[in-house]
């Protein structure tokens, strides 16, 4: 038994913390990219599987759709706490990986959108929300440096409406975003 346990011992230290900085591009028309940063403590179950908790913040201008037409987005900070799992395809110095995650995304709006509903212009202030969402990722690790691409799927904020004497507009705000990150792991090296 001792021989079999020693044969399955980890080559890498199990605990590590990833710090990353990157670019976030929200989906939808009228959206523009922004900056993101994240901290992700991880624990390696073995040399190929890590489980973690990603805490991330992205500052972006989200895409807004008013009655089917794209409008200029509002600025929002999207914070998340996501449980993650990564699978590494190798144990060498260059380690490609894929991963998934599920968690909560907190959308805090900081903007006012002026909407022209055909006859008048109205200002609409967006309220924040917390939504359940998912994440898929792929990338590679070279030594302690990590380059990854993540898609964060978050449901849209729908149902806001503007009414005036003549028209009513339905507003939909896209919350999903693509992140491209460069970071490094503290810890987690070979024994």
N, C-alpha and C. Protein backbone atom coordinates (compact mmCIF):
# COMPACT_ATOMS: atom_id res chain seq x y z
N UNK A 1 0.82 -1.20 0.00
CA UNK A 1 0.00 0.00 0.00
C UNK A 1 0.86 1.26 0.00
N UNK A 2 1.94 1.27 0.80
CA UNK A 2 2.80 2.45 0.83
C UNK A 2 3.43 2.72 -0.52
N UNK A 3 3.78 1.66 -1.24
CA UNK A 3 4.35 1.83 -2.57
C UNK A 3 3.34 2.46 -3.52
N UNK A 4 2.07 2.02 -3.47
CA UNK A 4 1.07 2.59 -4.38
C UNK A 4 0.76 4.04 -4.02
N UNK A 5 0.76 4.41 -2.73
CA UNK A 5 0.54 5.81 -2.35
C UNK A 5 1.70 6.69 -2.78
N UNK A 6 2.91 6.20 -2.65
CA UNK A 6 4.08 6.97 -3.06
C UNK A 6 4.09 7.16 -4.57
N UNK A 7 3.60 6.18 -5.33
CA UNK A 7 3.58 6.29 -6.79
C UNK A 7 2.56 7.31 -7.26
N UNK A 8 1.51 7.56 -6.47
CA UNK A 8 0.50 8.53 -6.89
C UNK A 8 0.69 9.89 -6.23
N UNK A 9 1.80 10.10 -5.57
CA UNK A 9 2.05 11.38 -4.91
C UNK A 9 2.16 12.49 -5.94
N UNK A 10 1.79 13.71 -5.55
CA UNK A 10 1.83 14.83 -6.48
C UNK A 10 3.26 15.27 -6.75
N UNK A 11 3.49 15.66 -8.01
CA UNK A 11 4.76 16.23 -8.38
C UNK A 11 4.73 17.74 -8.13
N UNK A 12 3.54 18.34 -8.20
CA UNK A 12 3.37 19.77 -7.99
C UNK A 12 2.81 20.03 -6.59
N UNK A 13 3.17 21.17 -6.01
CA UNK A 13 2.57 21.55 -4.72
C UNK A 13 1.10 21.83 -4.95
N UNK A 14 0.23 21.40 -4.05
CA UNK A 14 -1.20 21.49 -4.32
C UNK A 14 -1.80 22.91 -4.24
N UNK A 15 -1.27 23.78 -3.40
CA UNK A 15 -1.90 25.09 -3.21
C UNK A 15 -1.18 26.17 -4.01
N UNK A 16 -1.96 27.02 -4.69
CA UNK A 16 -1.42 28.14 -5.46
C UNK A 16 -2.46 29.24 -5.54
N UNK A 17 -2.01 30.46 -5.82
CA UNK A 17 -2.91 31.59 -6.01
C UNK A 17 -2.54 32.26 -7.33
N UNK A 18 -3.55 32.42 -8.21
CA UNK A 18 -3.33 33.06 -9.49
C UNK A 18 -3.77 34.52 -9.41
N UNK A 19 -2.92 35.43 -9.87
CA UNK A 19 -3.23 36.86 -10.00
C UNK A 19 -3.20 37.19 -11.49
N UNK A 20 -4.26 37.79 -12.02
CA UNK A 20 -4.35 38.07 -13.45
C UNK A 20 -4.90 39.46 -13.73
N UNK A 21 -4.49 39.99 -14.87
CA UNK A 21 -4.97 41.27 -15.39
C UNK A 21 -5.28 41.05 -16.86
N UNK A 22 -6.33 41.70 -17.37
CA UNK A 22 -6.65 41.46 -18.77
C UNK A 22 -7.65 42.43 -19.35
N UNK A 23 -8.17 42.02 -20.51
CA UNK A 23 -9.10 42.79 -21.31
C UNK A 23 -10.45 42.09 -21.31
N UNK A 24 -11.53 42.83 -21.09
CA UNK A 24 -12.88 42.27 -21.10
C UNK A 24 -13.66 42.90 -22.24
N UNK A 25 -14.31 42.07 -23.07
CA UNK A 25 -15.12 42.54 -24.19
C UNK A 25 -16.54 42.02 -24.01
N UNK A 26 -17.49 42.91 -23.64
CA UNK A 26 -18.87 42.46 -23.48
C UNK A 26 -19.52 42.16 -24.82
N UNK A 27 -20.57 41.34 -24.78
CA UNK A 27 -21.29 41.00 -26.00
C UNK A 27 -22.36 42.05 -26.29
N UNK A 28 -22.81 42.07 -27.51
CA UNK A 28 -23.89 42.97 -27.90
C UNK A 28 -23.43 44.24 -28.58
N UNK A 29 -24.34 44.81 -29.37
CA UNK A 29 -24.06 46.07 -30.04
C UNK A 29 -24.00 47.21 -29.04
N UNK A 30 -23.17 48.20 -29.32
CA UNK A 30 -23.03 49.35 -28.44
C UNK A 30 -22.08 49.12 -27.29
N UNK A 31 -21.53 47.90 -27.18
CA UNK A 31 -20.62 47.57 -26.08
C UNK A 31 -19.20 47.95 -26.44
N UNK A 32 -18.41 48.28 -25.44
CA UNK A 32 -16.98 48.52 -25.68
C UNK A 32 -16.20 47.87 -24.55
N UNK A 33 -14.99 47.47 -24.88
CA UNK A 33 -14.16 46.71 -23.95
C UNK A 33 -13.66 47.52 -22.78
N UNK A 34 -13.17 46.77 -21.80
CA UNK A 34 -12.65 47.40 -20.61
C UNK A 34 -11.57 46.53 -19.99
N UNK A 35 -11.32 46.76 -18.74
CA UNK A 35 -10.25 46.08 -18.03
C UNK A 35 -10.84 45.10 -17.02
N UNK A 36 -10.10 44.04 -16.74
CA UNK A 36 -10.50 43.10 -15.70
C UNK A 36 -9.29 42.68 -14.89
N UNK A 37 -9.54 42.30 -13.65
CA UNK A 37 -8.48 41.73 -12.82
C UNK A 37 -9.11 40.66 -11.93
N UNK A 38 -8.29 39.65 -11.59
CA UNK A 38 -8.83 38.55 -10.81
C UNK A 38 -7.79 37.96 -9.88
N UNK A 39 -8.29 37.34 -8.82
CA UNK A 39 -7.50 36.57 -7.86
C UNK A 39 -8.20 35.22 -7.77
N UNK A 40 -7.41 34.14 -7.89
CA UNK A 40 -8.00 32.80 -7.86
C UNK A 40 -7.14 31.84 -7.05
N UNK A 41 -7.48 31.63 -5.78
CA UNK A 41 -6.79 30.57 -5.03
C UNK A 41 -7.26 29.21 -5.56
N UNK A 42 -6.30 28.28 -5.71
CA UNK A 42 -6.61 26.96 -6.27
C UNK A 42 -5.94 25.87 -5.44
N UNK A 43 -6.56 24.71 -5.46
CA UNK A 43 -5.99 23.54 -4.81
C UNK A 43 -5.94 22.42 -5.83
N UNK A 44 -4.76 21.80 -6.00
CA UNK A 44 -4.59 20.71 -6.94
C UNK A 44 -4.97 19.38 -6.33
N UNK A 45 -6.02 18.75 -6.87
CA UNK A 45 -6.39 17.42 -6.42
C UNK A 45 -5.33 16.40 -6.83
N UNK A 46 -4.76 16.61 -8.01
CA UNK A 46 -3.62 15.85 -8.49
C UNK A 46 -2.88 16.74 -9.49
N UNK A 47 -1.94 16.19 -10.24
CA UNK A 47 -1.15 17.01 -11.15
C UNK A 47 -1.95 17.57 -12.32
N UNK A 48 -3.13 17.01 -12.61
CA UNK A 48 -3.91 17.43 -13.76
C UNK A 48 -5.19 18.19 -13.43
N UNK A 49 -5.64 18.17 -12.19
CA UNK A 49 -6.92 18.79 -11.84
C UNK A 49 -6.75 19.78 -10.69
N UNK A 50 -7.20 21.02 -10.94
CA UNK A 50 -7.23 22.07 -9.92
C UNK A 50 -8.67 22.48 -9.67
N UNK A 51 -9.01 22.73 -8.40
CA UNK A 51 -10.29 23.33 -8.03
C UNK A 51 -9.99 24.68 -7.41
N UNK A 52 -10.81 25.70 -7.71
CA UNK A 52 -10.51 27.02 -7.19
C UNK A 52 -11.74 27.88 -6.98
N UNK A 53 -11.48 29.09 -6.54
CA UNK A 53 -12.49 30.12 -6.36
C UNK A 53 -11.96 31.39 -7.01
N UNK A 54 -12.56 31.75 -8.15
CA UNK A 54 -12.13 32.96 -8.87
C UNK A 54 -12.95 34.15 -8.40
N UNK A 55 -12.26 35.20 -7.95
CA UNK A 55 -12.89 36.46 -7.60
C UNK A 55 -12.40 37.46 -8.63
N UNK A 56 -13.33 38.00 -9.43
CA UNK A 56 -12.94 38.85 -10.56
C UNK A 56 -13.80 40.10 -10.61
N UNK A 57 -13.21 41.16 -11.14
CA UNK A 57 -13.93 42.39 -11.38
C UNK A 57 -13.61 42.88 -12.79
N UNK A 58 -14.64 43.20 -13.55
CA UNK A 58 -14.49 43.71 -14.92
C UNK A 58 -15.22 45.04 -15.02
N UNK A 59 -14.57 46.04 -15.57
CA UNK A 59 -15.18 47.35 -15.78
C UNK A 59 -15.36 47.52 -17.28
N UNK A 60 -16.62 47.53 -17.74
CA UNK A 60 -16.94 47.55 -19.17
C UNK A 60 -18.12 48.47 -19.46
N UNK A 61 -18.32 48.78 -20.74
CA UNK A 61 -19.53 49.46 -21.20
C UNK A 61 -20.38 48.40 -21.88
N UNK A 62 -21.49 48.02 -21.25
CA UNK A 62 -22.33 46.93 -21.74
C UNK A 62 -23.15 47.34 -22.95
N UNK A 63 -23.52 46.34 -23.75
CA UNK A 63 -24.40 46.57 -24.89
C UNK A 63 -25.84 46.68 -24.46
N UNK A 64 -26.54 47.64 -24.99
CA UNK A 64 -27.94 47.88 -24.64
C UNK A 64 -28.76 47.82 -25.91
N UNK A 65 -29.90 47.11 -25.84
CA UNK A 65 -30.81 47.02 -26.97
C UNK A 65 -32.14 47.66 -26.56
N UNK A 66 -32.59 48.65 -27.33
CA UNK A 66 -33.85 49.34 -27.07
C UNK A 66 -34.80 49.02 -28.21
N UNK A 67 -35.86 48.26 -27.90
CA UNK A 67 -36.86 47.85 -28.90
C UNK A 67 -36.19 47.26 -30.14
N UNK A 68 -35.21 46.39 -29.94
CA UNK A 68 -34.54 45.71 -31.04
C UNK A 68 -33.39 46.46 -31.68
N UNK A 69 -33.16 47.71 -31.31
CA UNK A 69 -32.08 48.51 -31.88
C UNK A 69 -30.96 48.67 -30.86
N UNK A 70 -29.71 48.63 -31.32
CA UNK A 70 -28.56 48.82 -30.43
C UNK A 70 -28.43 50.27 -30.03
N UNK A 71 -28.03 50.48 -28.79
CA UNK A 71 -27.82 51.82 -28.28
C UNK A 71 -26.47 51.86 -27.58
N UNK A 72 -26.01 53.06 -27.28
CA UNK A 72 -24.76 53.20 -26.56
C UNK A 72 -24.89 52.56 -25.19
N UNK A 73 -23.88 51.81 -24.80
CA UNK A 73 -23.94 51.08 -23.55
C UNK A 73 -23.71 51.93 -22.33
N UNK A 74 -24.06 51.37 -21.17
CA UNK A 74 -23.78 52.05 -19.92
C UNK A 74 -22.56 51.41 -19.28
N UNK A 75 -21.84 52.17 -18.49
CA UNK A 75 -20.64 51.67 -17.82
C UNK A 75 -21.07 50.87 -16.60
N UNK A 76 -20.48 49.69 -16.45
CA UNK A 76 -20.84 48.84 -15.31
C UNK A 76 -19.62 48.08 -14.83
N UNK A 77 -19.57 47.86 -13.54
CA UNK A 77 -18.58 46.97 -12.95
C UNK A 77 -19.28 45.64 -12.72
N UNK A 78 -18.66 44.56 -13.19
CA UNK A 78 -19.21 43.23 -13.01
C UNK A 78 -18.25 42.46 -12.12
N UNK A 79 -18.69 42.15 -10.92
CA UNK A 79 -17.87 41.38 -9.99
C UNK A 79 -18.39 39.95 -9.94
N UNK A 80 -17.50 39.00 -9.70
CA UNK A 80 -17.94 37.61 -9.66
C UNK A 80 -17.19 36.81 -8.62
N UNK A 81 -17.87 35.82 -8.12
CA UNK A 81 -17.30 34.78 -7.27
C UNK A 81 -17.69 33.45 -7.90
N UNK A 82 -16.74 32.76 -8.52
CA UNK A 82 -17.04 31.57 -9.31
C UNK A 82 -16.20 30.40 -8.83
N UNK A 83 -16.85 29.25 -8.56
CA UNK A 83 -16.13 28.02 -8.26
C UNK A 83 -15.63 27.46 -9.58
N UNK A 84 -14.33 27.15 -9.66
CA UNK A 84 -13.72 26.74 -10.93
C UNK A 84 -13.10 25.36 -10.84
N UNK A 85 -12.95 24.76 -12.00
CA UNK A 85 -12.23 23.50 -12.14
C UNK A 85 -11.43 23.55 -13.43
N UNK A 86 -10.15 23.21 -13.36
CA UNK A 86 -9.27 23.19 -14.53
C UNK A 86 -8.73 21.79 -14.74
N UNK A 87 -8.58 21.40 -16.00
CA UNK A 87 -7.91 20.15 -16.35
C UNK A 87 -6.68 20.49 -17.19
N UNK A 88 -5.49 20.09 -16.72
CA UNK A 88 -4.23 20.31 -17.44
C UNK A 88 -3.91 19.06 -18.24
N UNK A 89 -3.55 19.24 -19.51
CA UNK A 89 -3.30 18.12 -20.41
C UNK A 89 -1.90 17.53 -20.28
N UNK A 90 -0.99 18.20 -19.58
CA UNK A 90 0.36 17.66 -19.43
C UNK A 90 0.92 18.06 -18.07
N UNK A 91 2.07 17.50 -17.72
CA UNK A 91 2.73 17.85 -16.47
C UNK A 91 4.12 18.43 -16.73
N UNK A 92 4.40 18.80 -17.97
CA UNK A 92 5.70 19.39 -18.30
C UNK A 92 5.74 20.88 -18.01
N UNK A 93 6.69 21.57 -18.61
CA UNK A 93 6.84 23.01 -18.41
C UNK A 93 5.78 23.83 -19.12
N UNK A 94 5.22 23.29 -20.23
CA UNK A 94 4.16 23.94 -20.99
C UNK A 94 2.90 23.11 -20.78
N UNK A 95 1.87 23.70 -20.16
CA UNK A 95 0.69 22.94 -19.74
C UNK A 95 -0.61 23.56 -20.28
N UNK A 96 -1.11 23.11 -21.44
CA UNK A 96 -2.42 23.57 -21.92
C UNK A 96 -3.51 23.11 -20.97
N UNK A 97 -4.58 23.89 -20.85
CA UNK A 97 -5.68 23.52 -19.96
C UNK A 97 -7.02 23.99 -20.49
N UNK A 98 -8.08 23.37 -19.98
CA UNK A 98 -9.45 23.82 -20.18
C UNK A 98 -10.10 23.85 -18.80
N UNK A 99 -11.16 24.65 -18.68
CA UNK A 99 -11.81 24.74 -17.38
C UNK A 99 -13.24 25.22 -17.49
N UNK A 100 -13.98 25.05 -16.40
CA UNK A 100 -15.35 25.50 -16.30
C UNK A 100 -15.57 26.11 -14.92
N UNK A 101 -16.64 26.87 -14.78
CA UNK A 101 -16.96 27.45 -13.48
C UNK A 101 -18.43 27.83 -13.39
N UNK A 102 -18.93 27.88 -12.17
CA UNK A 102 -20.29 28.31 -11.89
C UNK A 102 -20.26 29.21 -10.67
N UNK A 103 -21.09 30.27 -10.70
CA UNK A 103 -21.12 31.15 -9.54
C UNK A 103 -22.03 32.33 -9.71
N UNK A 104 -21.80 33.33 -8.86
CA UNK A 104 -22.62 34.54 -8.84
C UNK A 104 -21.87 35.71 -9.45
N UNK A 105 -22.61 36.49 -10.23
CA UNK A 105 -22.08 37.69 -10.88
C UNK A 105 -22.89 38.88 -10.38
N UNK A 106 -22.22 39.86 -9.83
CA UNK A 106 -22.88 41.05 -9.32
C UNK A 106 -22.64 42.20 -10.30
N UNK A 107 -23.73 42.74 -10.85
CA UNK A 107 -23.64 43.80 -11.84
C UNK A 107 -24.02 45.11 -11.17
N UNK A 108 -23.05 46.00 -11.03
CA UNK A 108 -23.29 47.30 -10.40
C UNK A 108 -23.20 48.36 -11.48
N UNK A 109 -24.30 48.98 -11.79
CA UNK A 109 -24.34 49.97 -12.85
C UNK A 109 -23.91 51.33 -12.34
N UNK A 110 -23.26 52.08 -13.22
CA UNK A 110 -22.80 53.42 -12.86
C UNK A 110 -23.16 54.41 -13.94
N UNK A 111 -24.24 54.14 -14.67
CA UNK A 111 -24.51 55.03 -15.79
C UNK A 111 -25.97 55.36 -15.98
N UNK A 112 -26.20 56.38 -16.78
CA UNK A 112 -27.53 56.80 -17.18
C UNK A 112 -27.54 56.80 -18.70
N UNK A 113 -28.55 56.17 -19.29
CA UNK A 113 -28.67 56.09 -20.74
C UNK A 113 -29.78 57.03 -21.19
N UNK A 114 -29.50 57.81 -22.22
CA UNK A 114 -30.53 58.66 -22.81
C UNK A 114 -31.14 57.90 -23.97
N UNK A 115 -32.43 57.64 -23.91
CA UNK A 115 -33.13 56.86 -24.92
C UNK A 115 -34.08 57.76 -25.68
N UNK A 116 -33.99 57.70 -27.01
CA UNK A 116 -34.91 58.42 -27.87
C UNK A 116 -35.97 57.44 -28.32
N UNK A 117 -37.17 57.55 -27.80
CA UNK A 117 -38.22 56.59 -28.13
C UNK A 117 -39.09 57.04 -29.31
N UNK A 118 -38.60 57.92 -30.13
CA UNK A 118 -39.32 58.35 -31.32
C UNK A 118 -39.86 59.75 -31.22
N UNK A 119 -40.28 60.18 -30.03
CA UNK A 119 -40.84 61.51 -29.88
C UNK A 119 -40.10 62.33 -28.83
N UNK A 120 -39.67 61.67 -27.78
CA UNK A 120 -38.98 62.39 -26.71
C UNK A 120 -37.75 61.61 -26.29
N UNK A 121 -36.84 62.28 -25.62
CA UNK A 121 -35.68 61.62 -25.04
C UNK A 121 -35.91 61.49 -23.54
N UNK A 122 -35.59 60.29 -23.01
CA UNK A 122 -35.75 60.06 -21.59
C UNK A 122 -34.47 59.48 -21.03
N UNK A 123 -34.13 59.89 -19.81
CA UNK A 123 -32.97 59.32 -19.14
C UNK A 123 -33.42 58.13 -18.30
N UNK A 124 -32.66 57.03 -18.42
CA UNK A 124 -32.97 55.83 -17.66
C UNK A 124 -31.75 55.46 -16.84
N UNK A 125 -31.94 55.30 -15.55
CA UNK A 125 -30.86 54.86 -14.67
C UNK A 125 -31.01 53.37 -14.45
N UNK A 126 -29.92 52.62 -14.67
CA UNK A 126 -29.98 51.17 -14.51
C UNK A 126 -29.63 50.79 -13.09
N UNK A 127 -30.35 49.83 -12.56
CA UNK A 127 -30.07 49.35 -11.21
C UNK A 127 -29.20 48.10 -11.30
N UNK A 128 -28.47 47.83 -10.24
CA UNK A 128 -27.61 46.65 -10.19
C UNK A 128 -28.42 45.38 -9.97
N UNK A 129 -27.75 44.24 -10.16
CA UNK A 129 -28.40 42.95 -9.97
C UNK A 129 -27.34 41.90 -9.67
N UNK A 130 -27.76 40.81 -9.05
CA UNK A 130 -26.89 39.65 -8.85
C UNK A 130 -27.51 38.50 -9.62
N UNK A 131 -26.70 37.86 -10.47
CA UNK A 131 -27.20 36.79 -11.34
C UNK A 131 -26.30 35.57 -11.25
N UNK A 132 -26.90 34.40 -11.41
CA UNK A 132 -26.15 33.15 -11.47
C UNK A 132 -25.66 32.99 -12.90
N UNK A 133 -24.41 32.53 -13.07
CA UNK A 133 -23.87 32.37 -14.41
C UNK A 133 -22.79 31.30 -14.46
N UNK A 134 -22.26 31.14 -15.64
CA UNK A 134 -21.23 30.13 -15.86
C UNK A 134 -20.05 30.70 -16.62
N UNK A 135 -18.97 29.92 -16.65
CA UNK A 135 -17.74 30.35 -17.31
C UNK A 135 -17.08 29.13 -17.94
N UNK A 136 -16.53 29.30 -19.15
CA UNK A 136 -15.68 28.29 -19.78
C UNK A 136 -14.36 28.97 -20.12
N UNK A 137 -13.27 28.21 -20.05
CA UNK A 137 -11.96 28.80 -20.30
C UNK A 137 -11.04 27.81 -20.99
N UNK A 138 -10.03 28.35 -21.63
CA UNK A 138 -8.95 27.56 -22.23
C UNK A 138 -7.70 28.43 -22.19
N UNK A 139 -6.56 27.79 -22.13
CA UNK A 139 -5.31 28.54 -22.12
C UNK A 139 -4.13 27.63 -21.90
N UNK A 140 -3.03 28.22 -21.47
CA UNK A 140 -1.85 27.42 -21.15
C UNK A 140 -1.08 28.07 -20.02
N UNK A 141 -0.32 27.24 -19.35
CA UNK A 141 0.56 27.67 -18.27
C UNK A 141 1.98 27.32 -18.69
N UNK A 142 2.88 28.29 -18.61
CA UNK A 142 4.30 28.08 -18.92
C UNK A 142 5.08 28.51 -17.68
N UNK A 143 5.60 27.53 -16.95
CA UNK A 143 6.23 27.85 -15.67
C UNK A 143 5.16 28.34 -14.72
N UNK A 144 5.32 29.55 -14.21
CA UNK A 144 4.30 30.14 -13.33
C UNK A 144 3.41 31.14 -14.06
N UNK A 145 3.69 31.42 -15.34
CA UNK A 145 2.88 32.37 -16.11
C UNK A 145 1.71 31.68 -16.78
N UNK A 146 0.55 32.36 -16.79
CA UNK A 146 -0.68 31.78 -17.32
C UNK A 146 -1.31 32.76 -18.31
N UNK A 147 -1.68 32.24 -19.49
CA UNK A 147 -2.42 33.01 -20.49
C UNK A 147 -3.72 32.26 -20.73
N UNK A 148 -4.85 32.96 -20.60
CA UNK A 148 -6.14 32.29 -20.76
C UNK A 148 -7.18 33.17 -21.42
N UNK A 149 -8.17 32.50 -22.01
CA UNK A 149 -9.33 33.14 -22.60
C UNK A 149 -10.55 32.54 -21.90
N UNK A 150 -11.44 33.40 -21.41
CA UNK A 150 -12.63 32.94 -20.69
C UNK A 150 -13.87 33.60 -21.27
N UNK A 151 -14.96 32.81 -21.36
CA UNK A 151 -16.24 33.38 -21.71
C UNK A 151 -17.15 33.27 -20.50
N UNK A 152 -17.64 34.39 -20.02
CA UNK A 152 -18.51 34.46 -18.85
C UNK A 152 -19.94 34.64 -19.34
N UNK A 153 -20.76 33.61 -19.17
CA UNK A 153 -22.15 33.62 -19.64
C UNK A 153 -23.06 34.06 -18.49
N UNK A 154 -23.65 35.24 -18.66
CA UNK A 154 -24.53 35.82 -17.65
C UNK A 154 -25.81 36.24 -18.37
N UNK A 155 -26.96 35.92 -17.80
CA UNK A 155 -28.21 36.28 -18.46
C UNK A 155 -28.36 37.80 -18.56
N UNK A 156 -29.08 38.21 -19.59
CA UNK A 156 -29.30 39.64 -19.84
C UNK A 156 -30.24 40.22 -18.79
N UNK A 157 -30.13 41.52 -18.60
CA UNK A 157 -31.06 42.25 -17.73
C UNK A 157 -32.18 42.75 -18.62
N UNK A 158 -33.35 42.13 -18.51
CA UNK A 158 -34.50 42.45 -19.35
C UNK A 158 -35.63 43.04 -18.53
N UNK A 159 -36.64 43.52 -19.26
CA UNK A 159 -37.88 43.91 -18.62
C UNK A 159 -37.95 45.35 -18.17
N UNK A 160 -36.87 46.11 -18.32
CA UNK A 160 -36.96 47.53 -17.99
C UNK A 160 -37.75 48.20 -19.11
N UNK A 161 -38.63 49.11 -18.76
CA UNK A 161 -39.40 49.77 -19.82
C UNK A 161 -39.48 51.26 -19.57
N UNK A 162 -39.63 51.95 -20.65
CA UNK A 162 -39.80 53.40 -20.59
C UNK A 162 -41.17 53.69 -21.16
N UNK A 163 -41.98 54.40 -20.44
CA UNK A 163 -43.27 54.75 -21.01
C UNK A 163 -43.38 56.25 -21.17
N UNK A 164 -43.98 56.61 -22.23
CA UNK A 164 -44.31 58.01 -22.45
C UNK A 164 -45.74 58.04 -22.94
N UNK A 165 -46.23 59.20 -23.26
CA UNK A 165 -47.63 59.30 -23.68
C UNK A 165 -47.89 58.55 -24.98
N UNK A 166 -46.88 58.40 -25.83
CA UNK A 166 -47.13 57.78 -27.13
C UNK A 166 -46.48 56.41 -27.29
N UNK A 167 -45.28 56.22 -26.75
CA UNK A 167 -44.54 54.98 -27.01
C UNK A 167 -44.03 54.35 -25.73
N UNK A 168 -43.79 53.05 -25.80
CA UNK A 168 -43.12 52.34 -24.71
C UNK A 168 -41.98 51.56 -25.34
N UNK A 169 -40.84 51.55 -24.69
CA UNK A 169 -39.67 50.86 -25.21
C UNK A 169 -39.25 49.76 -24.25
N UNK A 170 -38.88 48.61 -24.80
CA UNK A 170 -38.34 47.52 -24.00
C UNK A 170 -36.83 47.59 -24.08
N UNK A 171 -36.18 47.49 -22.93
CA UNK A 171 -34.72 47.62 -22.87
C UNK A 171 -34.12 46.29 -22.43
N UNK A 172 -33.09 45.85 -23.12
CA UNK A 172 -32.36 44.64 -22.77
C UNK A 172 -30.88 45.00 -22.68
N UNK A 173 -30.24 44.59 -21.59
CA UNK A 173 -28.82 44.89 -21.38
C UNK A 173 -28.05 43.58 -21.35
N UNK A 174 -27.11 43.42 -22.26
CA UNK A 174 -26.29 42.20 -22.30
C UNK A 174 -25.23 42.26 -21.21
N UNK A 175 -25.08 41.17 -20.45
CA UNK A 175 -24.12 41.13 -19.36
C UNK A 175 -22.93 40.19 -19.60
N UNK A 176 -23.04 39.26 -20.55
CA UNK A 176 -21.97 38.30 -20.83
C UNK A 176 -20.74 39.02 -21.38
N UNK A 177 -19.57 38.46 -21.10
CA UNK A 177 -18.34 39.06 -21.64
C UNK A 177 -17.25 38.02 -21.84
N UNK A 178 -16.34 38.34 -22.76
CA UNK A 178 -15.17 37.53 -23.05
C UNK A 178 -13.97 38.19 -22.39
N UNK A 179 -13.16 37.41 -21.69
CA UNK A 179 -11.98 37.95 -21.04
C UNK A 179 -10.72 37.29 -21.56
N UNK A 180 -9.70 38.09 -21.83
CA UNK A 180 -8.38 37.59 -22.21
C UNK A 180 -7.44 38.05 -21.10
N UNK A 181 -6.78 37.08 -20.43
CA UNK A 181 -6.02 37.40 -19.22
C UNK A 181 -4.60 36.87 -19.29
N UNK A 182 -3.70 37.65 -18.70
CA UNK A 182 -2.32 37.25 -18.49
C UNK A 182 -2.07 37.33 -17.00
N UNK A 183 -1.53 36.27 -16.43
CA UNK A 183 -1.31 36.27 -14.99
C UNK A 183 -0.16 35.35 -14.59
N UNK A 184 -0.03 35.18 -13.31
CA UNK A 184 1.01 34.29 -12.79
C UNK A 184 0.50 33.62 -11.52
N UNK A 185 1.04 32.42 -11.28
CA UNK A 185 0.70 31.66 -10.09
C UNK A 185 1.77 31.87 -9.03
N UNK A 186 1.32 32.13 -7.82
CA UNK A 186 2.21 32.17 -6.67
C UNK A 186 2.05 30.81 -5.98
N UNK A 187 3.14 30.07 -5.87
CA UNK A 187 3.07 28.72 -5.31
C UNK A 187 2.74 27.73 -6.41
N UNK A 188 2.53 26.49 -6.01
CA UNK A 188 2.12 25.46 -6.94
C UNK A 188 3.22 24.88 -7.79
N UNK A 189 4.48 25.23 -7.52
CA UNK A 189 5.60 24.69 -8.31
C UNK A 189 5.86 23.24 -7.99
N UNK A 190 6.85 22.70 -8.62
CA UNK A 190 7.22 21.30 -8.39
C UNK A 190 7.84 21.14 -7.01
N UNK A 191 7.62 19.96 -6.44
CA UNK A 191 8.25 19.64 -5.15
C UNK A 191 9.74 19.53 -5.32
